[in-house]
Amino acid sequence: MSRKPVVFLGLPLVSLVLGVIAGQWFYGLYERSIPEALKATTSMQGTRIVFWLHGLGLGVVMAILALIGVALGRFVSGPTASGRPSSPDVR
């Protein structure tokens, strides 16, 4: 299997998972900073969803930046890294 599909499918998936993990972590920080008297079940669940959505947005931004980095890496590395054969096999 070629590395290209793995990179272009795996990179966004990993970025989205990392974004959701970051959203959950920030929700945990938020939950610890709010006093018990101000917590309501409905508002905390709504807040958790908002943090997850912001985490997904972070994951999308990370995926876009990573794919831009992959694309720029191709241009910087030169023509031999593009996968094209350098010369035909002459016998």
N, C-alpha and C. Protein backbone atom coordinates (compact mmCIF):
# COMPACT_ATOMS: atom_id res chain seq x y z
N MET A 1 0.84 -1.18 0.00
CA MET A 1 0.00 0.00 0.00
C MET A 1 0.88 1.24 0.00
N SER A 2 0.50 2.20 -0.77
CA SER A 2 1.25 3.43 -0.86
C SER A 2 1.08 4.26 0.42
N ARG A 3 2.08 5.07 0.71
CA ARG A 3 2.02 5.90 1.91
C ARG A 3 1.09 7.09 1.73
N LYS A 4 0.85 7.49 0.49
CA LYS A 4 0.07 8.70 0.23
C LYS A 4 -1.36 8.60 0.79
N PRO A 5 -2.13 7.52 0.50
CA PRO A 5 -3.48 7.46 1.08
C PRO A 5 -3.47 7.36 2.60
N VAL A 6 -2.47 6.70 3.14
CA VAL A 6 -2.38 6.57 4.59
C VAL A 6 -2.19 7.95 5.23
N VAL A 7 -1.33 8.75 4.63
CA VAL A 7 -1.07 10.10 5.16
C VAL A 7 -2.31 10.98 5.02
N PHE A 8 -2.93 10.96 3.84
CA PHE A 8 -4.05 11.86 3.61
C PHE A 8 -5.34 11.41 4.30
N LEU A 9 -5.45 10.16 4.70
CA LEU A 9 -6.60 9.71 5.49
C LEU A 9 -6.29 9.70 6.98
N GLY A 10 -5.09 9.30 7.33
CA GLY A 10 -4.72 9.18 8.74
C GLY A 10 -4.49 10.51 9.42
N LEU A 11 -3.91 11.45 8.69
CA LEU A 11 -3.58 12.74 9.28
C LEU A 11 -4.83 13.50 9.77
N PRO A 12 -5.87 13.63 8.95
CA PRO A 12 -7.07 14.31 9.47
C PRO A 12 -7.75 13.55 10.60
N LEU A 13 -7.77 12.22 10.52
CA LEU A 13 -8.40 11.45 11.60
C LEU A 13 -7.67 11.62 12.92
N VAL A 14 -6.36 11.54 12.88
CA VAL A 14 -5.57 11.72 14.11
C VAL A 14 -5.74 13.15 14.63
N SER A 15 -5.77 14.12 13.73
CA SER A 15 -5.95 15.51 14.15
C SER A 15 -7.30 15.73 14.81
N LEU A 16 -8.36 15.13 14.26
CA LEU A 16 -9.68 15.28 14.86
C LEU A 16 -9.76 14.61 16.22
N VAL A 17 -9.15 13.45 16.35
CA VAL A 17 -9.14 12.76 17.65
C VAL A 17 -8.38 13.59 18.67
N LEU A 18 -7.23 14.13 18.28
CA LEU A 18 -6.47 14.99 19.19
C LEU A 18 -7.25 16.24 19.56
N GLY A 19 -8.02 16.78 18.61
CA GLY A 19 -8.85 17.95 18.90
C GLY A 19 -9.92 17.64 19.93
N VAL A 20 -10.59 16.49 19.79
CA VAL A 20 -11.62 16.12 20.76
C VAL A 20 -10.99 15.88 22.14
N ILE A 21 -9.82 15.26 22.17
CA ILE A 21 -9.12 15.05 23.44
C ILE A 21 -8.78 16.39 24.08
N ALA A 22 -8.33 17.35 23.27
CA ALA A 22 -8.03 18.69 23.80
C ALA A 22 -9.29 19.36 24.31
N GLY A 23 -10.41 19.21 23.59
CA GLY A 23 -11.68 19.78 24.05
C GLY A 23 -12.13 19.18 25.36
N GLN A 24 -11.97 17.87 25.51
CA GLN A 24 -12.33 17.21 26.77
C GLN A 24 -11.43 17.67 27.91
N TRP A 25 -10.16 17.85 27.62
CA TRP A 25 -9.22 18.31 28.64
C TRP A 25 -9.58 19.73 29.10
N PHE A 26 -9.90 20.62 28.13
CA PHE A 26 -10.28 21.97 28.51
C PHE A 26 -11.61 21.99 29.25
N TYR A 27 -12.52 21.06 28.92
CA TYR A 27 -13.76 20.95 29.68
C TYR A 27 -13.47 20.55 31.12
N GLY A 28 -12.52 19.64 31.31
CA GLY A 28 -12.14 19.24 32.66
C GLY A 28 -11.59 20.41 33.46
N LEU A 29 -10.78 21.24 32.79
CA LEU A 29 -10.27 22.44 33.47
C LEU A 29 -11.41 23.39 33.84
N TYR A 30 -12.36 23.54 32.91
CA TYR A 30 -13.51 24.41 33.16
C TYR A 30 -14.36 23.87 34.31
N GLU A 31 -14.58 22.55 34.31
CA GLU A 31 -15.42 21.94 35.34
C GLU A 31 -14.81 22.09 36.73
N ARG A 32 -13.48 21.97 36.81
CA ARG A 32 -12.82 22.12 38.11
C ARG A 32 -12.83 23.56 38.60
N SER A 33 -12.95 24.52 37.69
CA SER A 33 -12.89 25.92 38.11
C SER A 33 -14.26 26.49 38.50
N ILE A 34 -15.34 25.79 38.17
CA ILE A 34 -16.69 26.27 38.50
C ILE A 34 -17.10 25.72 39.88
N PRO A 35 -17.59 26.58 40.77
CA PRO A 35 -18.06 26.10 42.08
C PRO A 35 -19.28 25.20 41.93
N GLU A 36 -19.45 24.27 42.87
CA GLU A 36 -20.56 23.30 42.84
C GLU A 36 -21.93 23.99 42.83
N ALA A 37 -22.05 25.11 43.51
CA ALA A 37 -23.34 25.80 43.60
C ALA A 37 -23.79 26.34 42.24
N LEU A 38 -22.88 26.57 41.34
CA LEU A 38 -23.23 27.14 40.04
C LEU A 38 -23.41 26.09 38.95
N LYS A 39 -23.17 24.84 39.27
CA LYS A 39 -23.27 23.77 38.26
C LYS A 39 -24.70 23.27 38.16
N ALA A 40 -25.22 23.22 36.96
CA ALA A 40 -26.50 22.58 36.67
C ALA A 40 -26.25 21.50 35.64
N THR A 41 -26.96 20.41 35.72
CA THR A 41 -26.72 19.28 34.83
C THR A 41 -26.87 19.67 33.36
N THR A 42 -27.91 20.41 33.05
CA THR A 42 -28.14 20.76 31.65
C THR A 42 -27.08 21.71 31.13
N SER A 43 -26.69 22.67 31.93
CA SER A 43 -25.68 23.61 31.44
C SER A 43 -24.31 22.95 31.31
N MET A 44 -24.00 22.01 32.20
CA MET A 44 -22.70 21.34 32.11
C MET A 44 -22.65 20.42 30.89
N GLN A 45 -23.77 19.75 30.56
CA GLN A 45 -23.79 18.89 29.37
C GLN A 45 -23.69 19.73 28.11
N GLY A 46 -24.39 20.84 28.09
CA GLY A 46 -24.29 21.74 26.93
C GLY A 46 -22.89 22.30 26.78
N THR A 47 -22.28 22.60 27.91
CA THR A 47 -20.91 23.12 27.87
C THR A 47 -19.95 22.05 27.37
N ARG A 48 -20.15 20.80 27.76
CA ARG A 48 -19.28 19.72 27.29
C ARG A 48 -19.36 19.60 25.77
N ILE A 49 -20.57 19.70 25.22
CA ILE A 49 -20.73 19.60 23.77
C ILE A 49 -20.04 20.77 23.07
N VAL A 50 -20.16 21.95 23.64
CA VAL A 50 -19.50 23.12 23.06
C VAL A 50 -17.99 22.94 23.07
N PHE A 51 -17.43 22.42 24.16
CA PHE A 51 -15.99 22.19 24.22
C PHE A 51 -15.56 21.12 23.21
N TRP A 52 -16.38 20.08 23.02
CA TRP A 52 -16.05 19.05 22.03
C TRP A 52 -16.07 19.64 20.62
N LEU A 53 -17.07 20.49 20.35
CA LEU A 53 -17.13 21.11 19.02
C LEU A 53 -15.95 22.04 18.78
N HIS A 54 -15.55 22.77 19.80
CA HIS A 54 -14.36 23.61 19.66
C HIS A 54 -13.12 22.74 19.47
N GLY A 55 -13.08 21.59 20.13
CA GLY A 55 -11.98 20.65 19.93
C GLY A 55 -11.95 20.12 18.51
N LEU A 56 -13.12 19.82 17.94
CA LEU A 56 -13.18 19.38 16.55
C LEU A 56 -12.68 20.48 15.61
N GLY A 57 -13.04 21.72 15.91
CA GLY A 57 -12.52 22.85 15.13
C GLY A 57 -11.01 22.94 15.22
N LEU A 58 -10.48 22.73 16.40
CA LEU A 58 -9.03 22.70 16.58
C LEU A 58 -8.41 21.57 15.76
N GLY A 59 -9.07 20.41 15.74
CA GLY A 59 -8.58 19.28 14.96
C GLY A 59 -8.57 19.58 13.47
N VAL A 60 -9.59 20.28 12.98
CA VAL A 60 -9.63 20.67 11.56
C VAL A 60 -8.48 21.62 11.24
N VAL A 61 -8.23 22.58 12.12
CA VAL A 61 -7.12 23.51 11.90
C VAL A 61 -5.79 22.76 11.91
N MET A 62 -5.62 21.82 12.85
CA MET A 62 -4.37 21.05 12.89
C MET A 62 -4.20 20.22 11.62
N ALA A 63 -5.28 19.63 11.11
CA ALA A 63 -5.21 18.82 9.90
C ALA A 63 -4.84 19.68 8.70
N ILE A 64 -5.44 20.85 8.59
CA ILE A 64 -5.12 21.74 7.47
C ILE A 64 -3.67 22.16 7.52
N LEU A 65 -3.19 22.55 8.71
CA LEU A 65 -1.79 22.95 8.83
C LEU A 65 -0.83 21.80 8.52
N ALA A 66 -1.18 20.60 8.95
CA ALA A 66 -0.33 19.44 8.68
C ALA A 66 -0.31 19.11 7.19
N LEU A 67 -1.47 19.18 6.53
CA LEU A 67 -1.51 18.91 5.09
C LEU A 67 -0.77 19.98 4.30
N ILE A 68 -0.83 21.22 4.75
CA ILE A 68 -0.03 22.28 4.11
C ILE A 68 1.45 21.98 4.29
N GLY A 69 1.83 21.52 5.48
CA GLY A 69 3.22 21.15 5.72
C GLY A 69 3.68 20.01 4.83
N VAL A 70 2.81 19.02 4.63
CA VAL A 70 3.14 17.89 3.75
C VAL A 70 3.32 18.38 2.31
N ALA A 71 2.41 19.26 1.87
CA ALA A 71 2.49 19.78 0.51
C ALA A 71 3.75 20.63 0.31
N LEU A 72 4.06 21.46 1.29
CA LEU A 72 5.27 22.28 1.18
C LEU A 72 6.53 21.44 1.25
N GLY A 73 6.49 20.36 2.01
CA GLY A 73 7.64 19.46 2.09
C GLY A 73 7.96 18.82 0.75
N ARG A 74 6.95 18.58 -0.05
CA ARG A 74 7.19 18.02 -1.39
C ARG A 74 7.95 19.00 -2.27
N PHE A 75 7.57 20.28 -2.20
CA PHE A 75 8.22 21.27 -3.04
C PHE A 75 9.66 21.52 -2.60
N VAL A 76 9.91 21.47 -1.31
CA VAL A 76 11.24 21.75 -0.79
C VAL A 76 12.19 20.59 -1.03
N SER A 77 11.69 19.35 -0.97
CA SER A 77 12.57 18.19 -1.04
C SER A 77 13.12 17.94 -2.44
N GLY A 78 12.51 18.46 -3.47
CA GLY A 78 13.04 18.31 -4.81
C GLY A 78 12.32 17.26 -5.62
N PRO A 79 12.72 17.10 -6.89
CA PRO A 79 11.98 16.21 -7.79
C PRO A 79 12.22 14.73 -7.54
N THR A 80 13.31 14.33 -6.88
CA THR A 80 13.57 12.90 -6.70
C THR A 80 12.66 12.29 -5.65
N ALA A 81 12.11 13.08 -4.76
CA ALA A 81 11.23 12.56 -3.71
C ALA A 81 9.78 12.45 -4.19
N SER A 82 9.50 12.80 -5.42
CA SER A 82 8.12 12.78 -5.90
C SER A 82 7.65 11.40 -6.28
N GLY A 83 8.53 10.41 -6.33
CA GLY A 83 8.12 9.06 -6.65
C GLY A 83 8.28 8.72 -8.13
N ARG A 84 8.69 9.68 -8.93
CA ARG A 84 8.90 9.39 -10.35
C ARG A 84 10.21 8.67 -10.54
N PRO A 85 10.25 7.73 -11.48
CA PRO A 85 11.54 7.05 -11.72
C PRO A 85 12.53 8.03 -12.32
N SER A 86 13.79 7.92 -11.90
CA SER A 86 14.80 8.86 -12.37
C SER A 86 15.20 8.57 -13.82
N SER A 87 15.28 7.30 -14.20
CA SER A 87 15.59 6.95 -15.59
C SER A 87 15.06 5.54 -15.85
N PRO A 88 14.74 5.25 -17.11
CA PRO A 88 14.24 3.90 -17.40
C PRO A 88 15.36 2.88 -17.28
N ASP A 89 14.96 1.65 -16.98
CA ASP A 89 15.92 0.56 -16.84
C ASP A 89 16.37 0.11 -18.23
N VAL A 90 17.64 0.34 -18.55
CA VAL A 90 18.17 0.01 -19.87
C VAL A 90 19.02 -1.25 -19.75
N ARG A 91 18.75 -2.25 -20.58
CA ARG A 91 19.53 -3.49 -20.55
C ARG A 91 20.11 -3.79 -21.88
